[in-house]
Amino acid sequence: MKSERFTFILVPDNDGSNRKFSISRSNLFRLLSFFIIVVIVIFGFLIVTIPSYFDYSNMKNNYDNAMTERAKVIELYRDLERMKQIEVVVQKALGSNLIEDASLNERLGEFQNDEEIRSGYLNNIPSLLPISGMVTQEMIINNEEDVNNHFGIDIAVPKGEPIFASASGNVVFADWTPKYGNLIVIHHGNNYFTYYGHNELILVDQYKSVDIGDVIATSGNSGLSSGPHLHFEIWKDGVAIDPLLYFPTLNKSNISVKN
């Protein structure tokens, strides 16, 4: 008994000859069954993977948003810390209590709420410690002509540690000097200058601008130095200012960079 077969004829649009092929009922059934199984598997795969993909995308977006918010919180915390440091410096300079001065408090509030003024002003005031370490020598000024004057602080650190710009500004000097070895001087505007001495390597070019927190050098023992350390000075209006006044909450024997 002959098995029932199905014949398919392909008729081309041009004048070419027709083509035909035949297939048995059983083989046609197997082919259709295979096709149905493939379709079911594909749909099943899509049903399982598509929700997972969207879940992953949502999780990634939530993670990215969380990291963005975290960065904003960290930046606000840094600004708050700088504001506290600046307030203490202003208190010492004026000899008054800002908390009791309503007008100054109001102006400070306006200053803190104005993002453009705050970011520009704070970034150009020395407010970031250039390196972590121990203060082995504080500032000493007996008189202007005393050769034993020490116009900044010494921070003992190992060689090769990164040194950060304490504020944004322009590098006005980056070269060797007999006393301070590899020395960097940055002008921050408003007659503020910071000095970074005894560096091992200078990583910025003279007359180039830097942002607060930029790595400008590595710590070393160059010049007249008895051991690896950073000599750090702050000058305002031609007068040396004790750097520890800008970081009053820090222990003088052990300070850490808040970066």
Protein backbone atom coordinates (compact mmCIF):
# COMPACT_ATOMS: atom_id res chain seq x y z
CA MET A 1 0.00 0.00 0.00
CA LYS A 2 1.42 3.35 -1.02
CA SER A 3 1.80 5.96 1.66
CA GLU A 4 -0.05 9.18 1.07
CA ARG A 5 2.22 11.95 -0.15
CA PHE A 6 1.93 15.68 -0.65
CA THR A 7 3.39 17.40 -3.69
CA PHE A 8 4.40 21.06 -3.76
CA ILE A 9 4.89 22.89 -7.06
CA LEU A 10 6.98 26.07 -7.27
CA VAL A 11 6.04 28.30 -10.20
CA PRO A 12 8.63 31.06 -10.97
CA ASP A 13 7.53 34.52 -12.14
CA ASN A 14 9.65 34.27 -15.27
CA ASP A 15 9.34 31.65 -17.97
CA GLY A 16 11.54 29.17 -16.17
CA SER A 17 10.44 25.63 -15.61
CA ASN A 18 8.34 24.68 -12.64
CA ARG A 19 9.86 22.84 -9.73
CA LYS A 20 8.10 20.37 -7.55
CA PHE A 21 8.90 18.23 -4.59
CA SER A 22 6.88 15.80 -2.59
CA ILE A 23 6.89 14.70 1.01
CA SER A 24 5.14 11.91 2.80
CA ARG A 25 2.44 12.56 5.37
CA SER A 26 4.61 11.22 8.17
CA ASN A 27 7.59 13.39 7.26
CA LEU A 28 5.36 16.43 6.90
CA PHE A 29 3.95 15.74 10.34
CA ARG A 30 7.48 15.43 11.77
CA LEU A 31 8.53 18.69 10.09
CA LEU A 32 5.51 20.58 11.42
CA SER A 33 6.03 19.11 14.88
CA PHE A 34 9.68 20.20 14.87
CA PHE A 35 8.69 23.70 13.75
CA ILE A 36 6.07 23.97 16.50
CA ILE A 37 8.56 22.79 19.12
CA VAL A 38 11.12 25.38 17.96
CA VAL A 39 8.49 28.14 18.15
CA ILE A 40 7.48 27.03 21.66
CA VAL A 41 11.11 26.96 22.81
CA ILE A 42 11.77 30.44 21.40
CA PHE A 43 8.66 31.88 23.05
CA GLY A 44 9.53 30.20 26.32
CA PHE A 45 13.06 31.60 26.18
CA LEU A 46 11.73 35.10 25.49
CA ILE A 47 9.20 34.87 28.30
CA VAL A 48 11.98 33.94 30.76
CA THR A 49 14.74 36.30 29.59
CA ILE A 50 12.85 39.50 28.73
CA PRO A 51 11.67 40.18 32.32
CA SER A 52 15.17 39.36 33.59
CA TYR A 53 16.67 41.82 31.12
CA PHE A 54 14.32 44.59 32.24
CA ASP A 55 15.02 43.73 35.89
CA TYR A 56 18.75 44.02 35.20
CA SER A 57 18.26 47.34 33.40
CA ASN A 58 16.20 48.68 36.29
CA MET A 59 18.78 47.50 38.83
CA LYS A 60 21.58 49.11 36.81
CA ASN A 61 19.68 52.38 36.54
CA ASN A 62 18.95 52.33 40.27
CA TYR A 63 22.62 51.64 41.00
CA ASP A 64 23.77 54.47 38.72
CA ASN A 65 21.28 56.85 40.35
CA ALA A 66 22.46 55.78 43.81
CA MET A 67 26.09 56.40 42.86
CA THR A 68 25.18 59.84 41.48
CA GLU A 69 23.35 60.77 44.67
CA ARG A 70 26.23 59.44 46.76
CA ALA A 71 28.68 61.64 44.84
CA LYS A 72 26.44 64.65 45.46
CA VAL A 73 26.27 63.89 49.19
CA ILE A 74 30.06 63.52 49.39
CA GLU A 75 30.55 66.83 47.57
CA LEU A 76 28.09 68.58 49.91
CA TYR A 77 29.92 67.11 52.89
CA ARG A 78 33.23 68.43 51.57
CA ASP A 79 31.72 71.89 51.08
CA LEU A 80 30.34 71.82 54.62
CA GLU A 81 33.74 70.87 56.04
CA ARG A 82 35.40 73.69 54.09
CA MET A 83 32.76 76.13 55.33
CA LYS A 84 33.48 75.10 58.93
CA GLN A 85 37.21 75.57 58.43
CA ILE A 86 36.75 78.96 56.76
CA GLU A 87 34.38 80.10 59.54
CA VAL A 88 36.99 79.30 62.19
CA VAL A 89 39.65 81.21 60.25
CA VAL A 90 37.35 84.23 59.90
CA GLN A 91 36.51 84.07 63.60
CA LYS A 92 40.19 84.14 64.51
CA ALA A 93 40.84 87.00 62.09
CA LEU A 94 37.93 89.14 63.35
CA GLY A 95 38.21 88.14 67.00
CA SER A 96 34.43 87.70 67.11
CA ASN A 97 31.87 84.95 67.38
CA LEU A 98 30.06 84.48 64.09
CA ILE A 99 27.25 82.61 65.78
CA GLU A 100 26.31 85.74 67.72
CA ASP A 101 26.63 88.02 64.69
CA ALA A 102 23.28 87.87 62.88
CA SER A 103 24.39 89.90 59.87
CA LEU A 104 27.45 87.73 59.27
CA ASN A 105 25.36 84.62 59.73
CA GLU A 106 22.88 85.89 57.18
CA ARG A 107 25.66 86.62 54.68
CA LEU A 108 27.19 83.21 55.28
CA GLY A 109 23.77 81.68 54.65
CA GLU A 110 23.48 83.51 51.34
CA PHE A 111 27.01 82.44 50.49
CA GLN A 112 26.25 78.81 51.28
CA ASN A 113 23.04 78.82 49.21
CA ASP A 114 24.68 80.34 46.11
CA GLU A 115 26.26 77.36 44.33
CA GLU A 116 28.24 79.42 41.81
CA ILE A 117 29.75 81.79 44.39
CA ARG A 118 30.38 79.01 46.90
CA SER A 119 32.13 76.63 44.53
CA GLY A 120 34.28 79.35 43.00
CA TYR A 121 35.26 80.88 46.33
CA LEU A 122 35.87 77.65 48.22
CA ASN A 123 37.88 76.03 45.47
CA ASN A 124 40.34 78.95 45.52
CA ILE A 125 40.90 78.95 49.28
CA PRO A 126 43.40 76.40 50.69
CA SER A 127 40.96 73.92 52.16
CA LEU A 128 42.28 70.49 51.24
CA LEU A 129 45.24 68.94 53.02
CA PRO A 130 47.94 68.24 50.44
CA ILE A 131 48.95 64.92 52.02
CA SER A 132 48.37 62.63 54.99
CA GLY A 133 51.07 62.31 57.63
CA MET A 134 52.46 63.56 60.92
CA VAL A 135 53.26 67.22 61.61
CA THR A 136 56.87 67.12 62.77
CA GLN A 137 57.50 70.87 62.62
CA GLU A 138 54.99 73.66 63.19
CA MET A 139 55.16 77.22 61.93
CA ILE A 140 57.66 79.47 63.77
CA ILE A 141 58.12 83.18 63.06
CA ASN A 142 60.22 85.11 65.58
CA ASN A 143 60.76 88.18 63.41
CA GLU A 144 60.98 88.84 59.69
CA GLU A 145 64.79 88.65 59.58
CA ASP A 146 65.33 85.61 61.80
CA VAL A 147 67.07 82.87 59.80
CA ASN A 148 65.37 80.26 61.99
CA ASN A 149 61.90 81.28 60.88
CA HIS A 150 59.77 78.42 59.65
CA PHE A 151 56.98 79.80 57.47
CA GLY A 152 54.90 76.63 57.26
CA ILE A 153 54.55 73.11 58.59
CA ASP A 154 56.46 69.91 57.87
CA ILE A 155 54.47 66.73 57.30
CA ALA A 156 56.49 63.52 57.55
CA VAL A 157 55.56 60.98 54.87
CA PRO A 158 57.26 58.17 52.91
CA LYS A 159 58.77 58.90 49.53
CA GLY A 160 56.58 58.71 46.47
CA GLU A 161 53.23 59.57 48.07
CA PRO A 162 50.85 61.77 45.99
CA ILE A 163 50.63 65.45 46.91
CA PHE A 164 47.36 67.25 46.18
CA ALA A 165 46.71 70.88 45.29
CA SER A 166 45.18 72.46 48.38
CA ALA A 167 43.04 74.75 46.19
CA SER A 168 42.48 75.58 42.54
CA GLY A 169 44.83 78.07 40.91
CA ASN A 170 47.77 78.63 38.59
CA VAL A 171 51.26 77.16 39.01
CA VAL A 172 53.61 80.14 39.14
CA PHE A 173 56.74 78.16 40.02
CA ALA A 174 57.69 74.51 39.53
CA ASP A 175 61.44 73.97 39.67
CA TRP A 176 64.46 73.23 41.82
CA THR A 177 65.63 75.52 44.62
CA PRO A 178 68.66 74.96 46.87
CA LYS A 179 66.63 75.14 50.11
CA TYR A 180 63.34 73.44 49.24
CA GLY A 181 64.55 71.18 46.42
CA ASN A 182 61.74 70.51 43.96
CA LEU A 183 59.36 73.33 44.86
CA ILE A 184 55.86 74.14 43.59
CA VAL A 185 54.15 77.48 44.19
CA ILE A 186 50.47 77.94 43.28
CA HIS A 187 48.63 81.26 43.08
CA HIS A 188 44.95 80.82 44.00
CA GLY A 189 43.69 84.34 43.46
CA ASN A 190 42.80 86.92 46.13
CA ASN A 191 46.53 87.07 46.98
CA TYR A 192 46.56 83.46 48.22
CA PHE A 193 49.67 81.36 47.55
CA THR A 194 50.62 77.85 48.68
CA TYR A 195 54.12 76.34 48.71
CA TYR A 196 54.96 72.63 48.42
CA GLY A 197 58.62 71.83 49.07
CA HIS A 198 61.09 68.88 49.11
CA ASN A 199 59.16 66.95 46.45
CA GLU A 200 60.63 63.91 44.76
CA LEU A 201 58.89 64.51 41.42
CA ILE A 202 57.08 67.55 40.04
CA LEU A 203 54.01 66.45 38.06
CA VAL A 204 52.69 69.83 36.88
CA ASP A 205 54.05 72.38 34.46
CA GLN A 206 54.80 75.96 35.35
CA TYR A 207 52.11 78.48 34.28
CA LYS A 208 49.48 75.72 34.03
CA SER A 209 46.20 75.76 35.94
CA VAL A 210 45.26 73.08 38.49
CA ASP A 211 42.05 72.16 40.27
CA ILE A 212 41.68 71.47 43.96
CA GLY A 213 42.62 67.84 44.63
CA ASP A 214 44.82 67.45 41.52
CA VAL A 215 47.99 65.43 42.09
CA ILE A 216 50.82 67.92 41.57
CA ALA A 217 53.87 66.05 42.89
CA THR A 218 55.17 63.07 44.84
CA SER A 219 56.70 63.41 48.28
CA GLY A 220 60.44 63.24 48.66
CA ASN A 221 63.59 64.44 50.35
CA SER A 222 65.03 66.97 47.90
CA GLY A 223 66.85 70.14 48.92
CA LEU A 224 67.92 70.83 52.51
CA SER A 225 66.01 68.04 54.20
CA SER A 226 66.82 65.51 56.91
CA GLY A 227 64.16 63.01 55.82
CA PRO A 228 61.19 62.52 53.49
CA HIS A 229 58.49 65.09 54.21
CA LEU A 230 56.38 67.85 52.68
CA HIS A 231 57.04 71.46 53.60
CA PHE A 232 53.69 73.27 53.23
CA GLU A 233 53.13 77.02 53.42
CA ILE A 234 50.09 79.30 53.01
CA TRP A 235 50.56 83.00 52.21
CA LYS A 236 47.89 85.71 52.07
CA ASP A 237 48.60 89.32 51.09
CA GLY A 238 52.33 88.69 51.44
CA VAL A 239 52.03 87.32 54.99
CA ALA A 240 52.68 83.71 55.98
CA ILE A 241 49.67 82.09 57.71
CA ASP A 242 49.84 79.03 59.92
CA PRO A 243 48.36 76.17 57.81
CA LEU A 244 46.96 74.59 60.96
CA LEU A 245 44.56 77.55 61.26
CA TYR A 246 42.92 76.30 58.07
CA PHE A 247 42.52 72.82 59.52
CA PRO A 248 41.68 73.55 63.20
CA THR A 249 39.89 70.26 63.87
CA LEU A 250 42.98 68.22 63.06
CA ASN A 251 45.41 66.77 65.55
CA LYS A 252 48.75 68.50 65.09
CA SER A 253 50.62 65.24 65.49
CA ASN A 254 48.63 63.26 62.95
CA ILE A 255 46.67 64.71 60.03
CA SER A 256 44.83 63.03 57.19
CA VAL A 257 43.74 64.18 53.76
CA LYS A 258 39.95 64.36 53.40
CA ASN A 259 39.69 63.83 49.64
